[in-house]
Amino acid sequence: MIKFLLKVVLLGAVFFLLTKYDVLPGLDVVENPDGPLGIYGTYLWIALIFGVVNAVVGPVLRLLSLPFVLLTLGLFLIVINAALLGLTAALTTRLTIDGIGTAILGGLILAIAGWVADQLLDR
């Protein structure tokens, strides 16, 4: 449980960096300064939703799309990560994604950040 919460904090930091410094112009977060943790709580909330979606829906999508993943030598996983990011944006009104290109790049960056977080937390 502690590893999951630390991963959520790291993904929240990635969301913060992606949107605050406009790394992906189509990915926007509507900050809530009146929330319990201020604007940082918004990023933690989005990261928590993304983590839960990735933990619950992600394995099902990966299993159902296994033939496509094998056929494309794993490149279809980028599309799955984009779909998970899009599902996160659909579940919350605080995250907006402008297009499929932004979703694919955002999903790729978040997948890399999640992998780095897993590597750091497994030590």
Protein backbone atom coordinates (compact mmCIF):
# COMPACT_ATOMS: atom_id res chain seq x y z
CA MET A 1 0.00 0.00 0.00
CA ILE A 2 2.85 2.36 0.81
CA LYS A 3 4.43 1.68 -2.60
CA PHE A 4 1.16 2.50 -4.33
CA LEU A 5 0.83 5.79 -2.43
CA LEU A 6 4.43 6.74 -3.20
CA LYS A 7 3.81 5.93 -6.87
CA VAL A 8 0.72 8.15 -6.78
CA VAL A 9 2.81 11.00 -5.36
CA LEU A 10 5.44 10.53 -8.08
CA LEU A 11 2.77 10.43 -10.81
CA GLY A 12 1.21 13.53 -9.29
CA ALA A 13 4.59 15.26 -9.63
CA VAL A 14 4.76 14.15 -13.27
CA PHE A 15 1.27 15.52 -13.93
CA PHE A 16 2.34 18.77 -12.25
CA LEU A 17 5.49 19.06 -14.38
CA LEU A 18 3.68 18.17 -17.61
CA THR A 19 0.95 20.75 -17.16
CA LYS A 20 2.68 23.52 -15.22
CA TYR A 21 5.59 23.83 -17.64
CA ASP A 22 3.38 23.14 -20.67
CA VAL A 23 5.36 20.13 -21.86
CA LEU A 24 2.26 18.77 -23.59
CA PRO A 25 0.19 21.76 -24.77
CA GLY A 26 -3.06 19.75 -25.06
CA LEU A 27 -2.90 18.31 -21.54
CA ASP A 28 -4.45 20.67 -19.00
CA VAL A 29 -5.38 20.44 -15.33
CA VAL A 30 -8.01 22.70 -13.79
CA GLU A 31 -6.50 23.46 -10.41
CA ASN A 32 -8.63 23.73 -7.28
CA PRO A 33 -6.99 26.13 -4.82
CA ASP A 34 -9.89 25.73 -2.37
CA GLY A 35 -9.40 21.95 -2.02
CA PRO A 36 -8.07 20.27 1.11
CA LEU A 37 -4.45 20.21 -0.13
CA GLY A 38 -4.67 23.24 -2.38
CA ILE A 39 -3.58 23.02 -5.99
CA TYR A 40 -1.27 20.10 -5.20
CA GLY A 41 -4.26 18.10 -4.03
CA THR A 42 -5.71 18.37 -7.52
CA TYR A 43 -2.62 16.73 -9.00
CA LEU A 44 -2.63 14.04 -6.32
CA TRP A 45 -6.31 13.39 -6.99
CA ILE A 46 -5.72 13.00 -10.74
CA ALA A 47 -2.72 10.74 -10.07
CA LEU A 48 -4.80 8.63 -7.68
CA ILE A 49 -7.54 8.19 -10.27
CA PHE A 50 -4.95 7.33 -12.93
CA GLY A 51 -3.31 4.82 -10.58
CA VAL A 52 -6.62 3.11 -9.78
CA VAL A 53 -7.66 3.04 -13.44
CA ASN A 54 -4.25 1.65 -14.37
CA ALA A 55 -4.45 -1.00 -11.64
CA VAL A 56 -8.05 -2.09 -12.30
CA VAL A 57 -8.78 -1.52 -15.99
CA GLY A 58 -5.20 -1.75 -17.27
CA PRO A 59 -4.68 -5.50 -16.84
CA VAL A 60 -8.04 -6.25 -18.45
CA LEU A 61 -7.22 -4.10 -21.49
CA ARG A 62 -3.75 -5.59 -21.75
CA LEU A 63 -5.16 -9.11 -21.64
CA LEU A 64 -7.89 -8.42 -24.18
CA SER A 65 -5.47 -6.76 -26.57
CA LEU A 66 -2.72 -9.36 -26.20
CA PRO A 67 -2.86 -10.41 -29.89
CA PHE A 68 -2.37 -6.79 -31.00
CA VAL A 69 0.44 -6.32 -28.49
CA LEU A 70 2.21 -9.42 -29.81
CA LEU A 71 1.59 -8.45 -33.43
CA THR A 72 3.04 -4.96 -32.95
CA LEU A 73 5.85 -6.18 -30.68
CA GLY A 74 4.51 -4.19 -27.74
CA LEU A 75 3.85 -0.88 -29.47
CA PHE A 76 0.11 -1.28 -28.95
CA LEU A 77 0.76 -0.79 -25.22
CA ILE A 78 1.25 2.90 -26.00
CA VAL A 79 -2.32 3.03 -27.32
CA ILE A 80 -3.55 1.25 -24.19
CA ASN A 81 -1.79 3.80 -21.97
CA ALA A 82 -3.38 6.58 -24.01
CA ALA A 83 -6.78 4.95 -23.50
CA LEU A 84 -6.17 4.73 -19.75
CA LEU A 85 -5.23 8.41 -19.67
CA GLY A 86 -8.37 9.23 -21.67
CA LEU A 87 -10.47 7.19 -19.25
CA THR A 88 -8.93 9.13 -16.38
CA ALA A 89 -9.85 12.40 -18.10
CA ALA A 90 -13.39 11.09 -18.59
CA LEU A 91 -13.72 10.23 -14.89
CA THR A 92 -12.63 13.63 -13.59
CA THR A 93 -13.53 17.13 -14.66
CA ARG A 94 -10.11 18.43 -13.57
CA LEU A 95 -8.14 16.84 -16.44
CA THR A 96 -8.63 17.70 -20.10
CA ILE A 97 -6.94 16.19 -23.14
CA ASP A 98 -7.25 17.93 -26.50
CA GLY A 99 -6.48 15.13 -28.92
CA ILE A 100 -5.29 11.60 -29.54
CA GLY A 101 -1.72 12.74 -30.15
CA THR A 102 -1.60 14.40 -26.76
CA ALA A 103 -3.10 11.30 -25.15
CA ILE A 104 -0.51 9.04 -26.80
CA LEU A 105 2.43 11.25 -25.78
CA GLY A 106 1.02 11.71 -22.28
CA GLY A 107 0.42 7.99 -21.92
CA LEU A 108 3.96 7.27 -23.07
CA ILE A 109 5.47 9.77 -20.63
CA LEU A 110 3.33 8.47 -17.76
CA ALA A 111 4.22 4.87 -18.60
CA ILE A 112 7.91 5.73 -18.48
CA ALA A 113 7.42 7.64 -15.22
CA GLY A 114 5.49 4.70 -13.75
CA TRP A 115 8.25 2.31 -14.79
CA VAL A 116 10.89 4.57 -13.20
CA ALA A 117 8.77 4.79 -10.04
CA ASP A 118 8.48 1.00 -9.94
CA GLN A 119 12.25 0.65 -10.34
CA LEU A 120 12.94 3.17 -7.58
CA LEU A 121 10.41 1.67 -5.17
CA ASP A 122 11.54 -1.93 -5.67
CA ARG A 123 14.93 -1.23 -4.12
